[in-house]
Amino acid sequence: MRAVIEDVQRPSLKRALEERWARAATGHPLHTLAQPKEGRHPTKHVRTHQLAALLPRGAFLEIAPGVAVCSPELAFIQMAEILSFGGLIALGYELCGCYPLDTDQPSTLVRSPLTTPDRIASFANRAARIKGVQRARVAARFVRAKSASVKETEMAALLLTPARWGGMGLPPALANESVALSKSATRIGRSQRAVCDLLWPQFHVAVEYDGLASHTQRHQQAHDSRRRDALTADGLDVIMVTSSQIDSISEFIEIANAIARKAGRRIPDRPPSFHRRHLQLRHELRVFHHTQFSPPRP
């Protein structure tokens, strides 16, 4: 994430940044923002970019006197110039989700979302003169909050993004939404609430991603089974989706059609151009995740 250095012309500050970033040994330079005509001399470890646009309130988060980092909302707009459209959607899911990955750990680490789709959209609407803002405004409309994993993001983005951009165009859904269970369902699920990976409450339809972890841990598999049974007992139509089904285009389209039928939607006629757009969206999501999230080491 780029940083803004308000007084970047001060040699002491630039020298301190140079020294600290050199010790960090990241292999990449530190990118900073500055007022026009300031910081024109890049160094090996610090590159300064000039920004003349008047930014909306909330563009920066101060981390030290005179030093701030870009807010998640500003970072999303900045990346709109660099990422593919699918990659930008994936970034939005990441910023609004709960799944930073530590490659030294075998599983996903949960954290609080950095922002929300509404905050990204609101900031983009107020940021009129930043490059990439128009593209960011469009992509922000297709981001959903609280995704819990990279694969859940891929599943949700492919299902919910409109067909014009390569998705299945299903109605908006809630991600990882907590549902209150009835007394009888509570006895089945052994909990008063259950969380649905994707939920269409108006249609009483839920989609559950069946990840690899549930097949390797018996207690987790039993917990997931009880949760699904509890949701079904309360009248929800629960559809299970596996990783291999997401990877199979034909199977995934059939699943999307099944969800659409349960939601009372007509199955659209998909022209050959749709399959090209769908493949492109899949590719862009995968490239972003492959670049940003390396697989966990054993």
C-alpha atoms as a PDB file:
ATOM      1  CA  MET A   1       0.000   0.000   0.000  1.00  0.00           C
ATOM      2  CA  ARG A   2       1.347   3.357  -0.959  1.00  0.00           C
ATOM      3  CA  ALA A   3       2.043   5.942   1.710  1.00  0.00           C
ATOM      4  CA  VAL A   4       1.630   9.705   1.686  1.00  0.00           C
ATOM      5  CA  ILE A   5       4.501  11.697   3.167  1.00  0.00           C
ATOM      6  CA  GLU A   6       3.337  15.237   3.734  1.00  0.00           C
ATOM      7  CA  ASP A   7       6.803  16.762   4.023  1.00  0.00           C
ATOM      8  CA  VAL A   8       8.665  14.438   1.721  1.00  0.00           C
ATOM      9  CA  GLN A   9      11.163  17.162   0.784  1.00  0.00           C
ATOM     10  CA  ARG A  10      12.710  16.988   4.220  1.00  0.00           C
ATOM     11  CA  PRO A  11      15.994  15.092   3.828  1.00  0.00           C
ATOM     12  CA  SER A  12      15.755  13.584   7.278  1.00  0.00           C
ATOM     13  CA  LEU A  13      12.403  11.960   6.538  1.00  0.00           C
ATOM     14  CA  LYS A  14      13.477  10.633   3.160  1.00  0.00           C
ATOM     15  CA  ARG A  15      16.695   9.303   4.649  1.00  0.00           C
ATOM     16  CA  ALA A  16      14.815   7.604   7.469  1.00  0.00           C
ATOM     17  CA  LEU A  17      12.458   5.942   5.001  1.00  0.00           C
ATOM     18  CA  GLU A  18      15.387   4.849   2.841  1.00  0.00           C
ATOM     19  CA  GLU A  19      17.182   3.288   5.787  1.00  0.00           C
ATOM     20  CA  ARG A  20      14.137   1.559   7.236  1.00  0.00           C
ATOM     21  CA  TRP A  21      12.977   0.135   3.917  1.00  0.00           C
ATOM     22  CA  ALA A  22      16.488  -1.081   3.117  1.00  0.00           C
ATOM     23  CA  ARG A  23      16.492  -3.020   6.399  1.00  0.00           C
ATOM     24  CA  ALA A  24      13.086  -4.488   5.557  1.00  0.00           C
ATOM     25  CA  ALA A  25      14.716  -6.286   2.608  1.00  0.00           C
ATOM     26  CA  THR A  26      11.449  -6.741   0.733  1.00  0.00           C
ATOM     27  CA  GLY A  27      13.056  -6.626  -2.683  1.00  0.00           C
ATOM     28  CA  HIS A  28      10.559  -3.957  -3.765  1.00  0.00           C
ATOM     29  CA  PRO A  29      10.771  -0.165  -3.401  1.00  0.00           C
ATOM     30  CA  LEU A  30       8.510   1.793  -1.068  1.00  0.00           C
ATOM     31  CA  HIS A  31       6.029   3.876  -3.076  1.00  0.00           C
ATOM     32  CA  THR A  32       5.012   7.221  -1.601  1.00  0.00           C
ATOM     33  CA  LEU A  33       2.672  10.052  -2.599  1.00  0.00           C
ATOM     34  CA  ALA A  34       3.610  13.719  -2.450  1.00  0.00           C
ATOM     35  CA  GLN A  35       2.436  17.132  -3.562  1.00  0.00           C
ATOM     36  CA  PRO A  36       3.292  18.141  -7.152  1.00  0.00           C
ATOM     37  CA  LYS A  37       6.920  19.134  -7.753  1.00  0.00           C
ATOM     38  CA  GLU A  38       8.014  17.389  -4.560  1.00  0.00           C
ATOM     39  CA  GLY A  39      10.086  14.253  -4.292  1.00  0.00           C
ATOM     40  CA  ARG A  40      11.214  14.170  -7.908  1.00  0.00           C
ATOM     41  CA  HIS A  41      14.407  12.257  -7.176  1.00  0.00           C
ATOM     42  CA  PRO A  42      13.696   8.556  -6.597  1.00  0.00           C
ATOM     43  CA  THR A  43      16.195   6.438  -4.728  1.00  0.00           C
ATOM     44  CA  LYS A  44      16.851   2.724  -4.778  1.00  0.00           C
ATOM     45  CA  HIS A  45      14.393   2.026  -1.987  1.00  0.00           C
ATOM     46  CA  VAL A  46      11.898   4.936  -2.154  1.00  0.00           C
ATOM     47  CA  ARG A  47       9.855   5.981  -5.201  1.00  0.00           C
ATOM     48  CA  THR A  48       7.714   9.107  -4.960  1.00  0.00           C
ATOM     49  CA  HIS A  49       4.556   9.666  -7.020  1.00  0.00           C
ATOM     50  CA  GLN A  50       2.952  13.066  -7.431  1.00  0.00           C
ATOM     51  CA  LEU A  51      -0.756  13.536  -6.819  1.00  0.00           C
ATOM     52  CA  ALA A  52      -2.465  16.797  -7.696  1.00  0.00           C
ATOM     53  CA  ALA A  53      -6.122  15.784  -7.255  1.00  0.00           C
ATOM     54  CA  LEU A  54      -8.014  17.006  -4.207  1.00  0.00           C
ATOM     55  CA  LEU A  55      -8.867  13.846  -2.304  1.00  0.00           C
ATOM     56  CA  PRO A  56     -12.043  13.291  -0.265  1.00  0.00           C
ATOM     57  CA  ARG A  57     -12.004  13.023   3.471  1.00  0.00           C
ATOM     58  CA  GLY A  58     -10.921   9.576   4.643  1.00  0.00           C
ATOM     59  CA  ALA A  59      -8.340   9.078   1.913  1.00  0.00           C
ATOM     60  CA  PHE A  60      -5.502   8.511   4.398  1.00  0.00           C
ATOM     61  CA  LEU A  61      -4.981   6.870   7.775  1.00  0.00           C
ATOM     62  CA  GLU A  62      -2.282   8.535   9.864  1.00  0.00           C
ATOM     63  CA  ILE A  63       0.125   6.066  11.439  1.00  0.00           C
ATOM     64  CA  ALA A  64       2.735   8.569  12.715  1.00  0.00           C
ATOM     65  CA  PRO A  65       3.122  12.372  12.812  1.00  0.00           C
ATOM     66  CA  GLY A  66       3.281  13.479   9.188  1.00  0.00           C
ATOM     67  CA  VAL A  67       3.079   9.920   7.847  1.00  0.00           C
ATOM     68  CA  ALA A  68      -0.091   8.189   6.668  1.00  0.00           C
ATOM     69  CA  VAL A  69      -1.079   5.174   4.612  1.00  0.00           C
ATOM     70  CA  CYS A  70      -3.737   5.131   1.934  1.00  0.00           C
ATOM     71  CA  SER A  71      -7.139   4.045   3.167  1.00  0.00           C
ATOM     72  CA  PRO A  72      -8.532   0.798   1.748  1.00  0.00           C
ATOM     73  CA  GLU A  73     -11.016   2.838  -0.265  1.00  0.00           C
ATOM     74  CA  LEU A  74      -8.296   4.947  -1.905  1.00  0.00           C
ATOM     75  CA  ALA A  75      -6.155   1.851  -2.520  1.00  0.00           C
ATOM     76  CA  PHE A  76      -9.083   0.236  -4.338  1.00  0.00           C
ATOM     77  CA  ILE A  77      -9.342   3.202  -6.724  1.00  0.00           C
ATOM     78  CA  GLN A  78      -5.585   3.334  -7.242  1.00  0.00           C
ATOM     79  CA  MET A  79      -5.509  -0.344  -8.165  1.00  0.00           C
ATOM     80  CA  ALA A  80      -8.292   0.169 -10.716  1.00  0.00           C
ATOM     81  CA  GLU A  81      -5.625   1.504 -13.068  1.00  0.00           C
ATOM     82  CA  ILE A  82      -3.442  -1.581 -12.658  1.00  0.00           C
ATOM     83  CA  LEU A  83      -5.669  -4.617 -12.179  1.00  0.00           C
ATOM     84  CA  SER A  84      -7.955  -6.376 -14.612  1.00  0.00           C
ATOM     85  CA  PHE A  85     -11.667  -5.943 -13.965  1.00  0.00           C
ATOM     86  CA  GLY A  86     -11.944  -9.394 -12.382  1.00  0.00           C
ATOM     87  CA  GLY A  87      -8.820  -8.731 -10.334  1.00  0.00           C
ATOM     88  CA  LEU A  88     -10.343  -5.489  -9.082  1.00  0.00           C
ATOM     89  CA  ILE A  89     -13.484  -7.324  -7.983  1.00  0.00           C
ATOM     90  CA  ALA A  90     -11.309  -9.907  -6.207  1.00  0.00           C
ATOM     91  CA  LEU A  91      -9.421  -7.098  -4.449  1.00  0.00           C
ATOM     92  CA  GLY A  92     -12.728  -5.631  -3.274  1.00  0.00           C
ATOM     93  CA  TYR A  93     -13.750  -8.990  -1.832  1.00  0.00           C
ATOM     94  CA  GLU A  94     -10.389  -9.210  -0.075  1.00  0.00           C
ATOM     95  CA  LEU A  95     -10.624  -5.722   1.449  1.00  0.00           C
ATOM     96  CA  CYS A  96     -14.199  -6.402   2.595  1.00  0.00           C
ATOM     97  CA  GLY A  97     -13.512 -10.003   3.607  1.00  0.00           C
ATOM     98  CA  CYS A  98     -11.973 -11.931   6.470  1.00  0.00           C
ATOM     99  CA  TYR A  99      -9.188 -14.024   4.979  1.00  0.00           C
ATOM    100  CA  PRO A 100      -5.607 -12.789   5.036  1.00  0.00           C
ATOM    101  CA  LEU A 101      -3.323 -15.742   4.396  1.00  0.00           C
ATOM    102  CA  ASP A 102      -0.147 -16.464   6.319  1.00  0.00           C
ATOM    103  CA  THR A 103       1.905 -18.791   4.148  1.00  0.00           C
ATOM    104  CA  ASP A 104       3.639 -20.165   7.251  1.00  0.00           C
ATOM    105  CA  GLN A 105       0.309 -21.477   8.528  1.00  0.00           C
ATOM    106  CA  PRO A 106      -1.655 -24.398   7.055  1.00  0.00           C
ATOM    107  CA  SER A 107      -5.038 -22.656   7.196  1.00  0.00           C
ATOM    108  CA  THR A 108      -6.764 -19.343   6.696  1.00  0.00           C
ATOM    109  CA  LEU A 109      -6.433 -16.723   9.420  1.00  0.00           C
ATOM    110  CA  VAL A 110      -9.605 -14.766  10.157  1.00  0.00           C
ATOM    111  CA  ARG A 111      -9.543 -11.001  10.697  1.00  0.00           C
ATOM    112  CA  SER A 112     -11.999  -8.125  10.639  1.00  0.00           C
ATOM    113  CA  PRO A 113     -12.849  -6.607   7.233  1.00  0.00           C
ATOM    114  CA  LEU A 114     -10.809  -3.518   6.360  1.00  0.00           C
ATOM    115  CA  THR A 115     -13.776  -1.786   4.758  1.00  0.00           C
ATOM    116  CA  THR A 116     -17.228  -2.444   3.273  1.00  0.00           C
ATOM    117  CA  PRO A 117     -18.652  -2.309  -0.254  1.00  0.00           C
ATOM    118  CA  ASP A 118     -20.785   0.689   0.744  1.00  0.00           C
ATOM    119  CA  ARG A 119     -17.749   2.609   2.004  1.00  0.00           C
ATOM    120  CA  ILE A 120     -15.802   1.863  -1.174  1.00  0.00           C
ATOM    121  CA  ALA A 121     -18.738   2.970  -3.334  1.00  0.00           C
ATOM    122  CA  SER A 122     -19.310   6.127  -1.278  1.00  0.00           C
ATOM    123  CA  PHE A 123     -15.644   7.107  -1.439  1.00  0.00           C
ATOM    124  CA  ALA A 124     -15.507   6.437  -5.182  1.00  0.00           C
ATOM    125  CA  ASN A 125     -18.527   8.662  -5.723  1.00  0.00           C
ATOM    126  CA  ARG A 126     -16.769  11.507  -3.886  1.00  0.00           C
ATOM    127  CA  ALA A 127     -13.399  11.009  -5.580  1.00  0.00           C
ATOM    128  CA  ALA A 128     -14.117  12.723  -8.862  1.00  0.00           C
ATOM    129  CA  ARG A 129     -10.674  13.436 -10.311  1.00  0.00           C
ATOM    130  CA  ILE A 130      -8.659  10.322  -9.502  1.00  0.00           C
ATOM    131  CA  LYS A 131      -7.621   8.126 -12.408  1.00  0.00           C
ATOM    132  CA  GLY A 132      -9.503   4.847 -12.463  1.00  0.00           C
ATOM    133  CA  VAL A 133     -12.432   6.086 -10.390  1.00  0.00           C
ATOM    134  CA  GLN A 134     -15.060   5.310 -13.039  1.00  0.00           C
ATOM    135  CA  ARG A 135     -13.859   1.722 -13.314  1.00  0.00           C
ATOM    136  CA  ALA A 136     -13.723   1.448  -9.529  1.00  0.00           C
ATOM    137  CA  ARG A 137     -17.330   2.645  -9.229  1.00  0.00           C
ATOM    138  CA  VAL A 138     -18.536  -0.121 -11.531  1.00  0.00           C
ATOM    139  CA  ALA A 139     -16.490  -2.889  -9.882  1.00  0.00           C
ATOM    140  CA  ALA A 140     -17.544  -1.821  -6.374  1.00  0.00           C
ATOM    141  CA  ARG A 141     -21.157  -2.611  -7.231  1.00  0.00           C
ATOM    142  CA  PHE A 142     -20.271  -6.294  -7.600  1.00  0.00           C
ATOM    143  CA  VAL A 143     -18.336  -6.707  -4.336  1.00  0.00           C
ATOM    144  CA  ARG A 144     -19.922  -8.506  -1.389  1.00  0.00           C
ATOM    145  CA  ALA A 145     -18.841  -8.238   2.231  1.00  0.00           C
ATOM    146  CA  LYS A 146     -17.569 -10.925   4.619  1.00  0.00           C
ATOM    147  CA  SER A 147     -16.172 -13.528   2.256  1.00  0.00           C
ATOM    148  CA  ALA A 148     -14.236 -16.026   4.368  1.00  0.00           C
ATOM    149  CA  SER A 149     -11.794 -17.512   1.858  1.00  0.00           C
ATOM    150  CA  VAL A 150     -10.285 -17.127  -1.589  1.00  0.00           C
ATOM    151  CA  LYS A 151     -12.439 -19.952  -2.954  1.00  0.00           C
ATOM    152  CA  GLU A 152     -15.598 -18.434  -1.493  1.00  0.00           C
ATOM    153  CA  THR A 153     -14.685 -15.175  -3.211  1.00  0.00           C
ATOM    154  CA  GLU A 154     -14.251 -16.980  -6.510  1.00  0.00           C
ATOM    155  CA  MET A 155     -17.586 -18.766  -6.111  1.00  0.00           C
ATOM    156  CA  ALA A 156     -19.474 -15.610  -5.137  1.00  0.00           C
ATOM    157  CA  ALA A 157     -17.894 -13.428  -7.822  1.00  0.00           C
ATOM    158  CA  LEU A 158     -18.675 -15.977 -10.555  1.00  0.00           C
ATOM    159  CA  LEU A 159     -22.268 -16.395  -9.374  1.00  0.00           C
ATOM    160  CA  LEU A 160     -23.193 -12.791  -8.591  1.00  0.00           C
ATOM    161  CA  THR A 161     -21.325 -10.689 -11.162  1.00  0.00           C
ATOM    162  CA  PRO A 162     -23.658  -9.713 -14.031  1.00  0.00           C
ATOM    163  CA  ALA A 163     -23.425 -11.710 -17.264  1.00  0.00           C
ATOM    164  CA  ARG A 164     -22.188  -8.619 -19.111  1.00  0.00           C
ATOM    165  CA  TRP A 165     -18.906  -9.016 -17.201  1.00  0.00           C
ATOM    166  CA  GLY A 166     -18.793 -12.812 -17.341  1.00  0.00           C
ATOM    167  CA  GLY A 167     -20.677 -13.801 -14.190  1.00  0.00           C
ATOM    168  CA  MET A 168     -23.844 -15.841 -13.855  1.00  0.00           C
ATOM    169  CA  GLY A 169     -25.902 -12.760 -13.035  1.00  0.00           C
ATOM    170  CA  LEU A 170     -27.725 -14.189 -10.026  1.00  0.00           C
ATOM    171  CA  PRO A 171     -29.549 -11.779  -7.692  1.00  0.00           C
ATOM    172  CA  PRO A 172     -27.475 -10.146  -4.918  1.00  0.00           C
ATOM    173  CA  ALA A 173     -26.820 -12.449  -1.972  1.00  0.00           C
ATOM    174  CA  LEU A 174     -25.514 -12.087   1.579  1.00  0.00           C
ATOM    175  CA  ALA A 175     -22.132 -13.679   2.349  1.00  0.00           C
ATOM    176  CA  ASN A 176     -21.495 -15.478   5.648  1.00  0.00           C
ATOM    177  CA  GLU A 177     -24.795 -14.303   7.040  1.00  0.00           C
ATOM    178  CA  SER A 178     -25.836 -15.510  10.494  1.00  0.00           C
ATOM    179  CA  VAL A 179     -29.322 -17.047  10.627  1.00  0.00           C
ATOM    180  CA  ALA A 180     -31.349 -17.518  13.813  1.00  0.00           C
ATOM    181  CA  LEU A 181     -32.566 -21.110  14.134  1.00  0.00           C
ATOM    182  CA  SER A 182     -35.852 -22.357  15.505  1.00  0.00           C
ATOM    183  CA  LYS A 183     -35.933 -24.475  18.641  1.00  0.00           C
ATOM    184  CA  SER A 184     -36.179 -27.708  16.679  1.00  0.00           C
ATOM    185  CA  ALA A 185     -33.383 -26.658  14.312  1.00  0.00           C
ATOM    186  CA  THR A 186     -31.275 -25.604  17.312  1.00  0.00           C
ATOM    187  CA  ARG A 187     -31.476 -29.144  18.668  1.00  0.00           C
ATOM    188  CA  ILE A 188     -30.283 -30.467  15.317  1.00  0.00           C
ATOM    189  CA  GLY A 189     -27.470 -27.974  14.829  1.00  0.00           C
ATOM    190  CA  ARG A 190     -26.563 -27.749  18.537  1.00  0.00           C
ATOM    191  CA  SER A 191     -26.461 -23.967  18.181  1.00  0.00           C
ATOM    192  CA  GLN A 192     -29.004 -21.160  18.137  1.00  0.00           C
ATOM    193  CA  ARG A 193     -27.534 -19.664  14.959  1.00  0.00           C
ATOM    194  CA  ALA A 194     -25.962 -20.907  11.737  1.00  0.00           C
ATOM    195  CA  VAL A 195     -23.857 -19.088   9.164  1.00  0.00           C
ATOM    196  CA  CYS A 196     -24.556 -19.464   5.440  1.00  0.00           C
ATOM    197  CA  ASP A 197     -21.750 -18.966   2.925  1.00  0.00           C
ATOM    198  CA  LEU A 198     -24.206 -17.352   0.500  1.00  0.00           C
ATOM    199  CA  LEU A 199     -27.816 -16.606   1.379  1.00  0.00           C
ATOM    200  CA  TRP A 200     -30.834 -15.374  -0.555  1.00  0.00           C
ATOM    201  CA  PRO A 201     -33.267 -14.894   2.351  1.00  0.00           C
ATOM    202  CA  GLN A 202     -36.095 -13.713   0.096  1.00  0.00           C
ATOM    203  CA  PHE A 203     -35.933 -17.002  -1.833  1.00  0.00           C
ATOM    204  CA  HIS A 204     -35.073 -19.258   1.151  1.00  0.00           C
ATOM    205  CA  VAL A 205     -31.996 -20.491  -0.710  1.00  0.00           C
ATOM    206  CA  ALA A 206     -28.470 -20.938   0.658  1.00  0.00           C
ATOM    207  CA  VAL A 207     -25.240 -22.062  -0.997  1.00  0.00           C
ATOM    208  CA  GLU A 208     -22.532 -23.758   1.029  1.00  0.00           C
ATOM    209  CA  TYR A 209     -18.950 -24.145  -0.157  1.00  0.00           C
ATOM    210  CA  ASP A 210     -17.683 -27.600   0.752  1.00  0.00           C
ATOM    211  CA  GLY A 211     -13.945 -27.053   1.070  1.00  0.00           C
ATOM    212  CA  LEU A 212     -11.174 -29.630   1.352  1.00  0.00           C
ATOM    213  CA  ALA A 213     -10.772 -28.999   5.091  1.00  0.00           C
ATOM    214  CA  SER A 214     -14.220 -30.437   5.806  1.00  0.00           C
ATOM    215  CA  HIS A 215     -13.107 -33.749   4.299  1.00  0.00           C
ATOM    216  CA  THR A 216      -9.946 -33.990   6.382  1.00  0.00           C
ATOM    217  CA  GLN A 217     -11.349 -33.211   9.808  1.00  0.00           C
ATOM    218  CA  ARG A 218     -14.130 -35.456  11.026  1.00  0.00           C
ATOM    219  CA  HIS A 219     -15.382 -33.114  13.714  1.00  0.00           C
ATOM    220  CA  GLN A 220     -15.602 -30.269  11.199  1.00  0.00           C
ATOM    221  CA  GLN A 221     -17.426 -32.490   8.731  1.00  0.00           C
ATOM    222  CA  ALA A 222     -19.933 -33.493  11.406  1.00  0.00           C
ATOM    223  CA  HIS A 223     -20.411 -29.858  12.416  1.00  0.00           C
ATOM    224  CA  ASP A 224     -21.066 -28.810   8.814  1.00  0.00           C
ATOM    225  CA  SER A 225     -23.528 -31.666   8.336  1.00  0.00           C
ATOM    226  CA  ARG A 226     -25.488 -30.693  11.460  1.00  0.00           C
ATOM    227  CA  ARG A 227     -25.536 -27.059  10.316  1.00  0.00           C
ATOM    228  CA  ARG A 228     -26.907 -27.988   6.900  1.00  0.00           C
ATOM    229  CA  ASP A 229     -29.539 -30.242   8.457  1.00  0.00           C
ATOM    230  CA  ALA A 230     -30.585 -27.441  10.812  1.00  0.00           C
ATOM    231  CA  LEU A 231     -30.932 -24.956   7.958  1.00  0.00           C
ATOM    232  CA  THR A 232     -32.940 -27.482   5.947  1.00  0.00           C
ATOM    233  CA  ALA A 233     -35.206 -28.129   8.934  1.00  0.00           C
ATOM    234  CA  ASP A 234     -36.003 -24.405   8.998  1.00  0.00           C
ATOM    235  CA  GLY A 235     -37.079 -24.420   5.372  1.00  0.00           C
ATOM    236  CA  LEU A 236     -33.904 -23.291   3.619  1.00  0.00           C
ATOM    237  CA  ASP A 237     -32.984 -25.018   0.373  1.00  0.00           C
ATOM    238  CA  VAL A 238     -29.256 -25.684   0.836  1.00  0.00           C
ATOM    239  CA  ILE A 239     -27.087 -26.290  -2.238  1.00  0.00           C
ATOM    240  CA  MET A 240     -23.606 -27.717  -1.736  1.00  0.00           C
ATOM    241  CA  VAL A 241     -20.780 -26.636  -4.059  1.00  0.00           C
ATOM    242  CA  THR A 242     -17.364 -28.301  -4.053  1.00  0.00           C
ATOM    243  CA  SER A 243     -14.055 -26.968  -5.282  1.00  0.00           C
ATOM    244  CA  SER A 244     -14.084 -29.320  -8.273  1.00  0.00           C
ATOM    245  CA  GLN A 245     -17.566 -28.100  -9.231  1.00  0.00           C
ATOM    246  CA  ILE A 246     -16.363 -24.504  -9.183  1.00  0.00           C
ATOM    247  CA  ASP A 247     -13.452 -25.481 -11.408  1.00  0.00           C
ATOM    248  CA  SER A 248     -15.722 -27.272 -13.899  1.00  0.00           C
ATOM    249  CA  ILE A 249     -17.423 -24.711 -16.122  1.00  0.00           C
ATOM    250  CA  SER A 250     -20.254 -27.029 -17.211  1.00  0.00           C
ATOM    251  CA  GLU A 251     -21.014 -28.181 -13.652  1.00  0.00           C
ATOM    252  CA  PHE A 252     -20.834 -24.645 -12.333  1.00  0.00           C
ATOM    253  CA  ILE A 253     -23.302 -23.398 -14.959  1.00  0.00           C
ATOM    254  CA  GLU A 254     -25.707 -26.193 -13.980  1.00  0.00           C
ATOM    255  CA  ILE A 255     -25.429 -25.166 -10.321  1.00  0.00           C
ATOM    256  CA  ALA A 256     -26.077 -21.528 -11.224  1.00  0.00           C
ATOM    257  CA  ASN A 257     -29.117 -22.602 -13.248  1.00  0.00           C
ATOM    258  CA  ALA A 258     -30.411 -24.630 -10.301  1.00  0.00           C
ATOM    259  CA  ILE A 259     -30.076 -21.625  -7.996  1.00  0.00           C
ATOM    260  CA  ALA A 260     -31.835 -19.421 -10.540  1.00  0.00           C
ATOM    261  CA  ARG A 261     -34.754 -21.862 -10.789  1.00  0.00           C
ATOM    262  CA  LYS A 262     -35.094 -22.011  -7.015  1.00  0.00           C
ATOM    263  CA  ALA A 263     -35.126 -18.200  -6.992  1.00  0.00           C
ATOM    264  CA  GLY A 264     -37.897 -18.181  -9.586  1.00  0.00           C
ATOM    265  CA  ARG A 265     -35.654 -16.731 -12.288  1.00  0.00           C
ATOM    266  CA  ARG A 266     -35.757 -17.665 -15.959  1.00  0.00           C
ATOM    267  CA  ILE A 267     -32.625 -19.401 -17.233  1.00  0.00           C
ATOM    268  CA  PRO A 268     -31.139 -16.944 -19.746  1.00  0.00           C
ATOM    269  CA  ASP A 269     -30.028 -17.922 -23.225  1.00  0.00           C
ATOM    270  CA  ARG A 270     -26.266 -17.556 -23.129  1.00  0.00           C
ATOM    271  CA  PRO A 271     -24.666 -16.630 -26.450  1.00  0.00           C
ATOM    272  CA  PRO A 272     -21.184 -17.877 -27.375  1.00  0.00           C
ATOM    273  CA  SER A 273     -19.781 -14.485 -26.346  1.00  0.00           C
ATOM    274  CA  PHE A 274     -20.868 -15.187 -22.746  1.00  0.00           C
ATOM    275  CA  HIS A 275     -18.567 -18.186 -22.480  1.00  0.00           C
ATOM    276  CA  ARG A 276     -15.660 -16.059 -23.640  1.00  0.00           C
ATOM    277  CA  ARG A 277     -16.455 -13.420 -21.014  1.00  0.00           C
ATOM    278  CA  HIS A 278     -16.940 -16.091 -18.356  1.00  0.00           C
ATOM    279  CA  LEU A 279     -13.576 -17.652 -19.104  1.00  0.00           C
ATOM    280  CA  GLN A 280     -11.990 -14.207 -18.956  1.00  0.00           C
ATOM    281  CA  LEU A 281     -13.531 -13.485 -15.551  1.00  0.00           C
ATOM    282  CA  ARG A 282     -12.339 -16.846 -14.237  1.00  0.00           C
ATOM    283  CA  HIS A 283      -8.845 -16.158 -15.552  1.00  0.00           C
ATOM    284  CA  GLU A 284      -8.675 -12.681 -14.008  1.00  0.00           C
ATOM    285  CA  LEU A 285      -9.847 -13.911 -10.606  1.00  0.00           C
ATOM    286  CA  ARG A 286      -7.329 -16.753 -10.632  1.00  0.00           C
ATOM    287  CA  VAL A 287      -4.438 -14.538 -11.727  1.00  0.00           C
ATOM    288  CA  PHE A 288      -5.123 -12.090  -8.896  1.00  0.00           C
ATOM    289  CA  HIS A 289      -5.353 -14.811  -6.273  1.00  0.00           C
ATOM    290  CA  HIS A 290      -2.325 -16.676  -7.600  1.00  0.00           C
ATOM    291  CA  THR A 291      -0.319 -13.446  -7.475  1.00  0.00           C
ATOM    292  CA  GLN A 292      -1.496 -12.234  -4.068  1.00  0.00           C
ATOM    293  CA  PHE A 293      -1.985 -15.494  -2.172  1.00  0.00           C
ATOM    294  CA  SER A 294       0.681 -18.136  -2.422  1.00  0.00           C
ATOM    295  CA  PRO A 295      -0.413 -21.603  -1.231  1.00  0.00           C
ATOM    296  CA  PRO A 296       0.328 -22.384   2.447  1.00  0.00           C
ATOM    297  CA  ARG A 297       3.537 -24.264   3.126  1.00  0.00           C
ATOM    298  CA  PRO A 298       3.219 -27.688   4.819  1.00  0.00           C
END
